[in-house]
Amino acid sequence: GSSVNVPPGTRLHRFRQPVPMPTYLIAIAVG
């Protein structure tokens, strides 16, 4: 996509969910 300024030591991750769903199903894990 468009260029994004990513700080040093950081990585950008992109996601898309095209199927409609309730907000309680929005989830993230980082490890």
Full PDB file with SEQRES, HELIX, SHEET, SSBOND, CRYST1, ORIGX, SCALE, CONECT and MASTER records, all heavy atoms in Angstrom:
SEQRES   1 A   31  GLY SER SER VAL ASN VAL PRO PRO GLY THR ARG LEU HIS          
SEQRES   2 A   31  ARG PHE ARG GLN PRO VAL PRO MET PRO THR TYR LEU ILE          
SEQRES   3 A   31  ALA ILE ALA VAL GLY                                          
HELIX    1 AA1 THR A   23  LEU A   25  5                                   3    
CRYST1    1.000    1.000    1.000  90.00  90.00  90.00 P 1           1          
ORIGX1      1.000000  0.000000  0.000000        0.00000                         
ORIGX2      0.000000  1.000000  0.000000        0.00000                         
ORIGX3      0.000000  0.000000  1.000000        0.00000                         
SCALE1      1.000000  0.000000  0.000000        0.00000                         
SCALE2      0.000000  1.000000  0.000000        0.00000                         
SCALE3      0.000000  0.000000  1.000000        0.00000                         
ATOM      1  N   GLY A   1       0.811  -1.203   0.000  1.00  0.00           N  
ATOM      2  CA  GLY A   1       0.000   0.000   0.000  1.00  0.00           C  
ATOM      3  C   GLY A   1       0.850   1.260   0.000  1.00  0.00           C  
ATOM      4  O   GLY A   1       1.968   1.281  -0.495  1.00  0.00           O  
ATOM      5  N   SER A   2       0.313   2.317   0.615  1.00  0.00           N  
ATOM      6  CA  SER A   2       1.058   3.571   0.679  1.00  0.00           C  
ATOM      7  C   SER A   2       2.219   3.433   1.655  1.00  0.00           C  
ATOM      8  O   SER A   2       2.196   2.642   2.580  1.00  0.00           O  
ATOM      9  CB  SER A   2       0.124   4.700   1.128  1.00  0.00           C  
ATOM     10  OG  SER A   2      -0.420   4.394   2.390  1.00  0.00           O  
ATOM     11  N   SER A   3       3.241   4.244   1.433  1.00  0.00           N  
ATOM     12  CA  SER A   3       4.422   4.170   2.292  1.00  0.00           C  
ATOM     13  C   SER A   3       4.076   4.662   3.690  1.00  0.00           C  
ATOM     14  O   SER A   3       3.368   5.642   3.871  1.00  0.00           O  
ATOM     15  CB  SER A   3       5.549   5.015   1.700  1.00  0.00           C  
ATOM     16  OG  SER A   3       5.134   6.360   1.601  1.00  0.00           O  
ATOM     17  N   VAL A   4       4.551   3.949   4.695  1.00  0.00           N  
ATOM     18  CA  VAL A   4       4.301   4.288   6.089  1.00  0.00           C  
ATOM     19  C   VAL A   4       5.646   4.384   6.787  1.00  0.00           C  
ATOM     20  O   VAL A   4       6.532   3.549   6.573  1.00  0.00           O  
ATOM     21  CB  VAL A   4       3.421   3.211   6.764  1.00  0.00           C  
ATOM     22  CG1 VAL A   4       3.236   3.525   8.236  1.00  0.00           C  
ATOM     23  CG2 VAL A   4       2.072   3.109   6.065  1.00  0.00           C  
ATOM     24  N   ASN A   5       5.792   5.390   7.606  1.00  0.00           N  
ATOM     25  CA  ASN A   5       7.022   5.548   8.362  1.00  0.00           C  
ATOM     26  C   ASN A   5       7.055   4.540   9.510  1.00  0.00           C  
ATOM     27  O   ASN A   5       6.249   4.615  10.441  1.00  0.00           O  
ATOM     28  CB  ASN A   5       7.120   6.978   8.906  1.00  0.00           C  
ATOM     29  CG  ASN A   5       8.419   7.205   9.653  1.00  0.00           C  
ATOM     30  OD1 ASN A   5       9.438   6.581   9.341  1.00  0.00           O  
ATOM     31  ND2 ASN A   5       8.386   8.100  10.631  1.00  0.00           N  
ATOM     32  N   VAL A   6       7.972   3.576   9.435  1.00  0.00           N  
ATOM     33  CA  VAL A   6       8.084   2.534  10.464  1.00  0.00           C  
ATOM     34  C   VAL A   6       9.306   2.842  11.313  1.00  0.00           C  
ATOM     35  O   VAL A   6      10.431   2.874  10.802  1.00  0.00           O  
ATOM     36  CB  VAL A   6       8.207   1.139   9.827  1.00  0.00           C  
ATOM     37  CG1 VAL A   6       8.323   0.075  10.918  1.00  0.00           C  
ATOM     38  CG2 VAL A   6       7.019   0.857   8.914  1.00  0.00           C  
ATOM     39  N   PRO A   7       9.131   3.076  12.615  1.00  0.00           N  
ATOM     40  CA  PRO A   7      10.270   3.408  13.481  1.00  0.00           C  
ATOM     41  C   PRO A   7      11.297   2.282  13.512  1.00  0.00           C  
ATOM     42  O   PRO A   7      10.961   1.111  13.315  1.00  0.00           O  
ATOM     43  CB  PRO A   7       9.616   3.604  14.858  1.00  0.00           C  
ATOM     44  CG  PRO A   7       8.169   3.875  14.569  1.00  0.00           C  
ATOM     45  CD  PRO A   7       7.852   3.104  13.335  1.00  0.00           C  
ATOM     46  N   PRO A   8      12.546   2.599  13.770  1.00  0.00           N  
ATOM     47  CA  PRO A   8      13.585   1.565  13.886  1.00  0.00           C  
ATOM     48  C   PRO A   8      13.225   0.541  14.965  1.00  0.00           C  
ATOM     49  O   PRO A   8      12.682   0.896  16.008  1.00  0.00           O  
ATOM     50  CB  PRO A   8      14.839   2.363  14.280  1.00  0.00           C  
ATOM     51  CG  PRO A   8      14.561   3.754  13.826  1.00  0.00           C  
ATOM     52  CD  PRO A   8      13.087   3.961  13.947  1.00  0.00           C  
ATOM     53  N   GLY A   9      13.551  -0.711  14.689  1.00  0.00           N  
ATOM     54  CA  GLY A   9      13.247  -1.775  15.649  1.00  0.00           C  
ATOM     55  C   GLY A   9      11.807  -2.205  15.655  1.00  0.00           C  
ATOM     56  O   GLY A   9      11.399  -3.019  16.501  1.00  0.00           O  
ATOM     57  N   THR A  10      11.029  -1.656  14.724  1.00  0.00           N  
ATOM     58  CA  THR A  10       9.595  -1.939  14.664  1.00  0.00           C  
ATOM     59  C   THR A  10       9.245  -2.524  13.303  1.00  0.00           C  
ATOM     60  O   THR A  10       9.874  -2.186  12.299  1.00  0.00           O  
ATOM     61  CB  THR A  10       8.781  -0.651  14.892  1.00  0.00           C  
ATOM     62  OG1 THR A  10       9.094  -0.118  16.170  1.00  0.00           O  
ATOM     63  CG2 THR A  10       7.285  -0.901  14.810  1.00  0.00           C  
ATOM     64  N   ARG A  11       8.268  -3.369  13.275  1.00  0.00           N  
ATOM     65  CA  ARG A  11       7.781  -3.942  12.031  1.00  0.00           C  
ATOM     66  C   ARG A  11       6.284  -3.677  11.902  1.00  0.00           C  
ATOM     67  O   ARG A  11       5.557  -3.699  12.887  1.00  0.00           O  
ATOM     68  CB  ARG A  11       8.053  -5.450  12.008  1.00  0.00           C  
ATOM     69  CG  ARG A  11       7.665  -6.129  10.703  1.00  0.00           C  
ATOM     70  CD  ARG A  11       7.975  -7.617  10.754  1.00  0.00           C  
ATOM     71  NE  ARG A  11       7.366  -8.324   9.648  1.00  0.00           N  
ATOM     72  CZ  ARG A  11       7.193  -9.636   9.582  1.00  0.00           C  
ATOM     73  NH1 ARG A  11       7.604 -10.401  10.589  1.00  0.00           N  
ATOM     74  NH2 ARG A  11       6.639 -10.211   8.543  1.00  0.00           N  
ATOM     75  N   LEU A  12       5.843  -3.417  10.688  1.00  0.00           N  
ATOM     76  CA  LEU A  12       4.429  -3.171  10.406  1.00  0.00           C  
ATOM     77  C   LEU A  12       3.768  -4.445   9.914  1.00  0.00           C  
ATOM     78  O   LEU A  12       4.266  -5.114   9.006  1.00  0.00           O  
ATOM     79  CB  LEU A  12       4.288  -2.060   9.355  1.00  0.00           C  
ATOM     80  CG  LEU A  12       2.885  -1.833   8.783  1.00  0.00           C  
ATOM     81  CD1 LEU A  12       1.903  -1.428   9.885  1.00  0.00           C  
ATOM     82  CD2 LEU A  12       2.933  -0.778   7.677  1.00  0.00           C  
ATOM     83  N   HIS A  13       2.613  -4.773  10.497  1.00  0.00           N  
ATOM     84  CA  HIS A  13       1.833  -5.948  10.099  1.00  0.00           C  
ATOM     85  C   HIS A  13       0.447  -5.474   9.667  1.00  0.00           C  
ATOM     86  O   HIS A  13      -0.194  -4.685  10.369  1.00  0.00           O  
ATOM     87  CB  HIS A  13       1.683  -6.925  11.263  1.00  0.00           C  
ATOM     88  CG  HIS A  13       2.990  -7.371  11.849  1.00  0.00           C  
ATOM     89  ND1 HIS A  13       3.563  -8.583  11.573  1.00  0.00           N  
ATOM     90  CD2 HIS A  13       3.842  -6.735  12.708  1.00  0.00           C  
ATOM     91  CE1 HIS A  13       4.695  -8.697  12.237  1.00  0.00           C  
ATOM     92  NE2 HIS A  13       4.898  -7.585  12.929  1.00  0.00           N  
ATOM     93  N   ARG A  14      -0.009  -5.971   8.524  1.00  0.00           N  
ATOM     94  CA  ARG A  14      -1.322  -5.571   8.009  1.00  0.00           C  
ATOM     95  C   ARG A  14      -2.275  -6.760   7.986  1.00  0.00           C  
ATOM     96  O   ARG A  14      -1.876  -7.891   7.694  1.00  0.00           O  
ATOM     97  CB  ARG A  14      -1.190  -4.996   6.592  1.00  0.00           C  
ATOM     98  CG  ARG A  14      -0.516  -3.629   6.517  1.00  0.00           C  
ATOM     99  CD  ARG A  14      -0.593  -3.098   5.082  1.00  0.00           C  
ATOM    100  NE  ARG A  14      -0.151  -1.719   4.989  1.00  0.00           N  
ATOM    101  CZ  ARG A  14       1.105  -1.356   4.741  1.00  0.00           C  
ATOM    102  NH1 ARG A  14       2.042  -2.277   4.571  1.00  0.00           N  
ATOM    103  NH2 ARG A  14       1.426  -0.081   4.654  1.00  0.00           N  
ATOM    104  N   PHE A  15      -3.551  -6.467   8.260  1.00  0.00           N  
ATOM    105  CA  PHE A  15      -4.577  -7.500   8.291  1.00  0.00           C  
ATOM    106  C   PHE A  15      -5.870  -6.971   7.675  1.00  0.00           C  
ATOM    107  O   PHE A  15      -6.112  -5.760   7.660  1.00  0.00           O  
ATOM    108  CB  PHE A  15      -4.868  -7.929   9.736  1.00  0.00           C  
ATOM    109  CG  PHE A  15      -3.671  -8.489  10.461  1.00  0.00           C  
ATOM    110  CD1 PHE A  15      -2.814  -7.639  11.164  1.00  0.00           C  
ATOM    111  CD2 PHE A  15      -3.405  -9.836  10.436  1.00  0.00           C  
ATOM    112  CE1 PHE A  15      -1.709  -8.138  11.830  1.00  0.00           C  
ATOM    113  CE2 PHE A  15      -2.293 -10.353  11.099  1.00  0.00           C  
ATOM    114  CZ  PHE A  15      -1.451  -9.506  11.792  1.00  0.00           C  
ATOM    115  N   ARG A  16      -6.678  -7.907   7.180  1.00  0.00           N  
ATOM    116  CA  ARG A  16      -8.008  -7.536   6.660  1.00  0.00           C  
ATOM    117  C   ARG A  16      -8.993  -8.655   6.987  1.00  0.00           C  
ATOM    118  O   ARG A  16      -8.688  -9.831   6.861  1.00  0.00           O  
ATOM    119  CB  ARG A  16      -7.960  -7.289   5.152  1.00  0.00           C  
ATOM    120  CG  ARG A  16      -7.470  -8.485   4.353  1.00  0.00           C  
ATOM    121  CD  ARG A  16      -7.384  -8.202   2.855  1.00  0.00           C  
ATOM    122  NE  ARG A  16      -6.820  -9.348   2.138  1.00  0.00           N  
ATOM    123  CZ  ARG A  16      -7.536 -10.405   1.738  1.00  0.00           C  
ATOM    124  NH1 ARG A  16      -8.833 -10.433   1.958  1.00  0.00           N  
ATOM    125  NH2 ARG A  16      -6.955 -11.411   1.115  1.00  0.00           N  
ATOM    126  N   GLN A  17     -10.175  -8.259   7.420  1.00  0.00           N  
ATOM    127  CA  GLN A  17     -11.255  -9.203   7.683  1.00  0.00           C  
ATOM    128  C   GLN A  17     -12.474  -8.762   6.857  1.00  0.00           C  
ATOM    129  O   GLN A  17     -13.199  -7.844   7.247  1.00  0.00           O  
ATOM    130  CB  GLN A  17     -11.613  -9.225   9.177  1.00  0.00           C  
ATOM    131  CG  GLN A  17     -12.754 -10.170   9.538  1.00  0.00           C  
ATOM    132  CD  GLN A  17     -12.565 -11.572   8.983  1.00  0.00           C  
ATOM    133  OE1 GLN A  17     -13.064 -11.910   7.895  1.00  0.00           O  
ATOM    134  NE2 GLN A  17     -11.819 -12.395   9.704  1.00  0.00           N  
ATOM    135  N   PRO A  18     -12.685  -9.409   5.701  1.00  0.00           N  
ATOM    136  CA  PRO A  18     -13.756  -8.972   4.803  1.00  0.00           C  
ATOM    137  C   PRO A  18     -15.140  -9.497   5.173  1.00  0.00           C  
ATOM    138  O   PRO A  18     -16.131  -9.085   4.561  1.00  0.00           O  
ATOM    139  CB  PRO A  18     -13.316  -9.543   3.448  1.00  0.00           C  
ATOM    140  CG  PRO A  18     -12.546 -10.787   3.802  1.00  0.00           C  
ATOM    141  CD  PRO A  18     -11.850 -10.479   5.101  1.00  0.00           C  
ATOM    142  N   VAL A  19     -15.222 -10.404   6.144  1.00  0.00           N  
ATOM    143  CA  VAL A  19     -16.516 -10.982   6.528  1.00  0.00           C  
ATOM    144  C   VAL A  19     -17.050 -10.225   7.743  1.00  0.00           C  
ATOM    145  O   VAL A  19     -16.354 -10.100   8.753  1.00  0.00           O  
ATOM    146  CB  VAL A  19     -16.374 -12.484   6.846  1.00  0.00           C  
ATOM    147  CG1 VAL A  19     -17.733 -13.084   7.206  1.00  0.00           C  
ATOM    148  CG2 VAL A  19     -15.753 -13.228   5.668  1.00  0.00           C  
ATOM    149  N   PRO A  20     -18.287  -9.730   7.684  1.00  0.00           N  
ATOM    150  CA  PRO A  20     -18.828  -8.991   8.835  1.00  0.00           C  
ATOM    151  C   PRO A  20     -18.904  -9.868  10.083  1.00  0.00           C  
ATOM    152  O   PRO A  20     -19.311 -11.030  10.021  1.00  0.00           O  
ATOM    153  CB  PRO A  20     -20.238  -8.588   8.374  1.00  0.00           C  
ATOM    154  CG  PRO A  20     -20.222  -8.706   6.891  1.00  0.00           C  
ATOM    155  CD  PRO A  20     -19.244  -9.790   6.562  1.00  0.00           C  
ATOM    156  N   MET A  21     -18.523  -9.288  11.220  1.00  0.00           N  
ATOM    157  CA  MET A  21     -18.500 -10.024  12.482  1.00  0.00           C  
ATOM    158  C   MET A  21     -18.675  -9.051  13.633  1.00  0.00           C  
ATOM    159  O   MET A  21     -18.410  -7.857  13.498  1.00  0.00           O  
ATOM    160  CB  MET A  21     -17.181 -10.780  12.624  1.00  0.00           C  
ATOM    161  CG  MET A  21     -15.973  -9.882  12.525  1.00  0.00           C  
ATOM    162  SD  MET A  21     -14.416 -10.734  12.830  1.00  0.00           S  
ATOM    163  CE  MET A  21     -13.735  -9.659  14.093  1.00  0.00           C  
ATOM    164  N   PRO A  22     -19.111  -9.532  14.802  1.00  0.00           N  
ATOM    165  CA  PRO A  22     -19.246  -8.641  15.964  1.00  0.00           C  
ATOM    166  C   PRO A  22     -17.885  -8.240  16.512  1.00  0.00           C  
ATOM    167  O   PRO A  22     -16.886  -8.937  16.323  1.00  0.00           O  
ATOM    168  CB  PRO A  22     -20.021  -9.495  16.968  1.00  0.00           C  
ATOM    169  CG  PRO A  22     -19.726 -10.910  16.581  1.00  0.00           C  
ATOM    170  CD  PRO A  22     -19.575 -10.904  15.093  1.00  0.00           C  
ATOM    171  N   THR A  23     -17.861  -7.122  17.223  1.00  0.00           N  
ATOM    172  CA  THR A  23     -16.582  -6.589  17.704  1.00  0.00           C  
ATOM    173  C   THR A  23     -15.931  -7.483  18.740  1.00  0.00           C  
ATOM    174  O   THR A  23     -14.702  -7.421  18.913  1.00  0.00           O  
ATOM    175  CB  THR A  23     -16.760  -5.182  18.297  1.00  0.00           C  
ATOM    176  OG1 THR A  23     -17.824  -5.206  19.250  1.00  0.00           O  
ATOM    177  CG2 THR A  23     -17.079  -4.170  17.218  1.00  0.00           C  
ATOM    178  N   TYR A  24     -16.695  -8.325  19.440  1.00  0.00           N  
ATOM    179  CA  TYR A  24     -16.055  -9.175  20.441  1.00  0.00           C  
ATOM    180  C   TYR A  24     -15.129 -10.202  19.808  1.00  0.00           C  
ATOM    181  O   TYR A  24     -14.334 -10.847  20.511  1.00  0.00           O  
ATOM    182  CB  TYR A  24     -17.092  -9.848  21.356  1.00  0.00           C  
ATOM    183  CG  TYR A  24     -17.904 -10.980  20.747  1.00  0.00           C  
ATOM    184  CD1 TYR A  24     -17.364 -12.259  20.587  1.00  0.00           C  
ATOM    185  CD2 TYR A  24     -19.235 -10.785  20.375  1.00  0.00           C  
ATOM    186  CE1 TYR A  24     -18.116 -13.297  20.052  1.00  0.00           C  
ATOM    187  CE2 TYR A  24     -19.987 -11.822  19.848  1.00  0.00           C  
ATOM    188  CZ  TYR A  24     -19.428 -13.073  19.685  1.00  0.00           C  
ATOM    189  OH  TYR A  24     -20.181 -14.107  19.160  1.00  0.00           O  
ATOM    190  N   LEU A  25     -15.190 -10.347  18.481  1.00  0.00           N  
ATOM    191  CA  LEU A  25     -14.313 -11.274  17.779  1.00  0.00           C  
ATOM    192  C   LEU A  25     -13.039 -10.609  17.255  1.00  0.00           C  
ATOM    193  O   LEU A  25     -12.199 -11.278  16.652  1.00  0.00           O  
ATOM    194  CB  LEU A  25     -15.056 -11.953  16.636  1.00  0.00           C  
ATOM    195  CG  LEU A  25     -16.159 -12.927  17.048  1.00  0.00           C  
ATOM    196  CD1 LEU A  25     -16.908 -13.451  15.821  1.00  0.00           C  
ATOM    197  CD2 LEU A  25     -15.596 -14.086  17.856  1.00  0.00           C  
ATOM    198  N   ILE A  26     -12.882  -9.308  17.463  1.00  0.00           N  
ATOM    199  CA  ILE A  26     -11.608  -8.674  17.117  1.00  0.00           C  
ATOM    200  C   ILE A  26     -10.569  -9.139  18.138  1.00  0.00           C  
ATOM    201  O   ILE A  26     -10.792  -9.045  19.345  1.00  0.00           O  
ATOM    202  CB  ILE A  26     -11.718  -7.144  17.114  1.00  0.00           C  
ATOM    203  CG1 ILE A  26     -12.712  -6.696  16.031  1.00  0.00           C  
ATOM    204  CG2 ILE A  26     -10.361  -6.500  16.879  1.00  0.00           C  
ATOM    205  CD1 ILE A  26     -12.966  -5.195  16.000  1.00  0.00           C  
ATOM    206  N   ALA A  27      -9.463  -9.677  17.645  1.00  0.00           N  
ATOM    207  CA  ALA A  27      -8.469 -10.265  18.552  1.00  0.00           C  
ATOM    208  C   ALA A  27      -7.073  -9.993  18.039  1.00  0.00           C  
ATOM    209  O   ALA A  27      -6.849  -9.880  16.830  1.00  0.00           O  
ATOM    210  CB  ALA A  27      -8.685 -11.779  18.676  1.00  0.00           C  
ATOM    211  N   ILE A  28      -6.139  -9.910  18.982  1.00  0.00           N  
ATOM    212  CA  ILE A  28      -4.736  -9.695  18.636  1.00  0.00           C  
ATOM    213  C   ILE A  28      -3.859 -10.511  19.585  1.00  0.00           C  
ATOM    214  O   ILE A  28      -4.204 -10.715  20.757  1.00  0.00           O  
ATOM    215  CB  ILE A  28      -4.362  -8.195  18.722  1.00  0.00           C  
ATOM    216  CG1 ILE A  28      -2.920  -7.967  18.238  1.00  0.00           C  
ATOM    217  CG2 ILE A  28      -4.571  -7.646  20.132  1.00  0.00           C  
ATOM    218  CD1 ILE A  28      -2.563  -6.497  18.066  1.00  0.00           C  
ATOM    219  N   ALA A  29      -2.751 -10.998  19.057  1.00  0.00           N  
ATOM    220  CA  ALA A  29      -1.721 -11.647  19.871  1.00  0.00           C  
ATOM    221  C   ALA A  29      -0.362 -11.221  19.320  1.00  0.00           C  
ATOM    222  O   ALA A  29      -0.167 -11.173  18.101  1.00  0.00           O  
ATOM    223  CB  ALA A  29      -1.856 -13.167  19.837  1.00  0.00           C  
ATOM    224  N   VAL A  30       0.560 -10.915  20.208  1.00  0.00           N  
ATOM    225  CA  VAL A  30       1.913 -10.489  19.833  1.00  0.00           C  
ATOM    226  C   VAL A  30       2.901 -11.244  20.709  1.00  0.00           C  
ATOM    227  O   VAL A  30       2.835 -11.170  21.937  1.00  0.00           O  
ATOM    228  CB  VAL A  30       2.103  -8.971  20.027  1.00  0.00           C  
ATOM    229  CG1 VAL A  30       3.481  -8.544  19.544  1.00  0.00           C  
ATOM    230  CG2 VAL A  30       1.009  -8.182  19.306  1.00  0.00           C  
ATOM    231  N   GLY A  31       3.791 -11.998  20.084  1.00  0.00           N  
ATOM    232  CA  GLY A  31       4.763 -12.743  20.862  1.00  0.00           C  
ATOM    233  C   GLY A  31       5.826 -13.364  19.985  1.00  0.00           C  
ATOM    234  O   GLY A  31       5.800 -13.239  18.753  1.00  0.00           O  
TER     235      GLY A  31                                                      
MASTER        0    0    0    1    0    0    0    6  234    1    0    3          
END                                                                             
